[in-house]
Amino acid sequence: METAFGIIAALVALVGLLAALGHVGYLAMLNSAARKRGVAGGATAEYVSGRWKVAGGTAAAAGVGLLLTSGGVLPDVLGLLLAGGAGIAAKQALDTTRERFRNP
């Protein structure tokens, strides 16, 4: 039972980390496109620079959560909650960013 829970916790933490890294990657893509546009991409570059802390924080929290899942049951639960919560926060932040820049 303990091993099965550890595997599930690690998978949830990994998915949370992937979601957080997806947000970081999307911001990097937006920043690159904004820099290529020069002055016309100034507003986008400014928005992206304000979102780096959120993306970095969720990625760091998900990474720590994934590392916590290598212990017993209590660290597995803490890692699952930390990385899962960070993944949910990153997904919501990514959705907010995508909605802002989606073409109608």
Protein backbone atom coordinates (compact mmCIF):
# COMPACT_ATOMS: atom_id res chain seq x y z
CA MET A 1 0.00 0.00 0.00
CA GLU A 2 2.80 2.39 0.90
CA THR A 3 4.60 1.71 -2.39
CA ALA A 4 1.45 2.26 -4.45
CA PHE A 5 0.77 5.56 -2.71
CA GLY A 6 4.38 6.62 -3.28
CA ILE A 7 4.09 5.92 -7.00
CA ILE A 8 0.83 7.83 -7.25
CA ALA A 9 2.28 10.76 -5.30
CA ALA A 10 5.33 10.84 -7.56
CA LEU A 11 3.15 10.80 -10.69
CA VAL A 12 0.96 13.64 -9.40
CA ALA A 13 4.08 15.62 -8.48
CA LEU A 14 5.58 14.99 -11.91
CA VAL A 15 2.42 16.21 -13.64
CA GLY A 16 2.46 19.32 -11.43
CA LEU A 17 6.08 19.98 -12.36
CA LEU A 18 5.30 19.55 -16.05
CA ALA A 19 2.43 22.02 -15.81
CA ALA A 20 4.66 24.55 -14.09
CA LEU A 21 7.41 24.08 -16.68
CA GLY A 22 4.80 24.49 -19.41
CA HIS A 23 3.94 27.89 -18.01
CA VAL A 24 7.62 28.84 -17.93
CA GLY A 25 8.01 27.69 -21.54
CA TYR A 26 4.96 29.62 -22.72
CA LEU A 27 6.26 32.80 -21.09
CA ALA A 28 9.66 32.26 -22.72
CA MET A 29 7.97 31.87 -26.10
CA LEU A 30 5.93 35.05 -25.60
CA ASN A 31 8.99 36.96 -24.47
CA SER A 32 10.97 35.83 -27.51
CA ALA A 33 8.17 36.86 -29.89
CA ALA A 34 7.77 40.22 -28.14
CA ARG A 35 11.50 40.98 -28.39
CA LYS A 36 11.48 40.21 -32.11
CA ARG A 37 8.70 42.78 -32.60
CA GLY A 38 10.71 45.52 -30.90
CA VAL A 39 8.66 48.47 -29.72
CA ALA A 40 5.41 46.88 -30.92
CA GLY A 41 5.94 44.00 -28.48
CA GLY A 42 6.68 46.27 -25.53
CA ALA A 43 3.37 45.69 -23.75
CA THR A 44 3.72 41.93 -24.09
CA ALA A 45 7.32 41.98 -22.85
CA GLU A 46 6.26 44.07 -19.87
CA TYR A 47 3.43 41.67 -19.02
CA VAL A 48 5.75 38.66 -19.31
CA SER A 49 8.37 40.24 -17.07
CA GLY A 50 5.73 40.61 -14.37
CA ARG A 51 4.72 36.94 -14.62
CA TRP A 52 8.19 35.37 -14.22
CA LYS A 53 7.93 35.31 -10.42
CA VAL A 54 4.70 33.33 -10.52
CA ALA A 55 6.09 30.88 -13.08
CA GLY A 56 9.38 30.45 -11.25
CA GLY A 57 7.69 30.07 -7.87
CA THR A 58 5.31 27.39 -9.04
CA ALA A 59 8.11 25.52 -10.83
CA ALA A 60 10.31 25.65 -7.73
CA ALA A 61 7.48 24.50 -5.47
CA ALA A 62 6.61 21.64 -7.80
CA GLY A 63 10.27 20.61 -7.96
CA VAL A 64 10.55 20.54 -4.18
CA GLY A 65 7.30 18.59 -4.00
CA LEU A 66 8.64 16.02 -6.43
CA LEU A 67 11.79 15.66 -4.35
CA LEU A 68 9.70 15.12 -1.22
CA THR A 69 7.96 12.11 -2.75
CA SER A 70 11.07 9.97 -2.32
CA GLY A 71 10.44 9.38 1.40
CA GLY A 72 7.81 7.59 3.46
CA VAL A 73 4.09 8.22 3.61
CA LEU A 74 4.21 11.65 5.28
CA PRO A 75 6.74 13.13 2.83
CA ASP A 76 4.74 11.58 -0.02
CA VAL A 77 1.59 13.34 1.17
CA LEU A 78 3.42 16.65 1.60
CA GLY A 79 5.06 16.32 -1.82
CA LEU A 80 1.75 15.42 -3.45
CA LEU A 81 0.02 18.44 -1.92
CA LEU A 82 2.87 20.85 -2.65
CA ALA A 83 3.52 19.78 -6.23
CA GLY A 84 -0.14 19.22 -7.02
CA GLY A 85 -1.08 22.63 -5.69
CA ALA A 86 1.77 24.27 -7.58
CA GLY A 87 0.66 22.50 -10.75
CA ILE A 88 -2.91 23.72 -10.33
CA ALA A 89 -1.71 27.28 -9.71
CA ALA A 90 0.58 27.11 -12.75
CA LYS A 91 -2.24 25.80 -14.94
CA GLN A 92 -4.53 28.63 -13.85
CA ALA A 93 -1.79 31.21 -14.47
CA LEU A 94 -1.10 29.69 -17.90
CA ASP A 95 -4.79 29.82 -18.78
CA THR A 96 -4.95 33.47 -17.72
CA THR A 97 -1.95 34.33 -19.88
CA ARG A 98 -3.28 32.40 -22.87
CA GLU A 99 -6.68 34.11 -22.62
CA ARG A 100 -5.01 37.52 -22.57
CA PHE A 101 -3.12 36.89 -25.80
CA ARG A 102 -5.61 34.72 -27.67
CA ASN A 103 -6.79 36.19 -30.96
CA PRO A 104 -10.57 36.63 -31.20
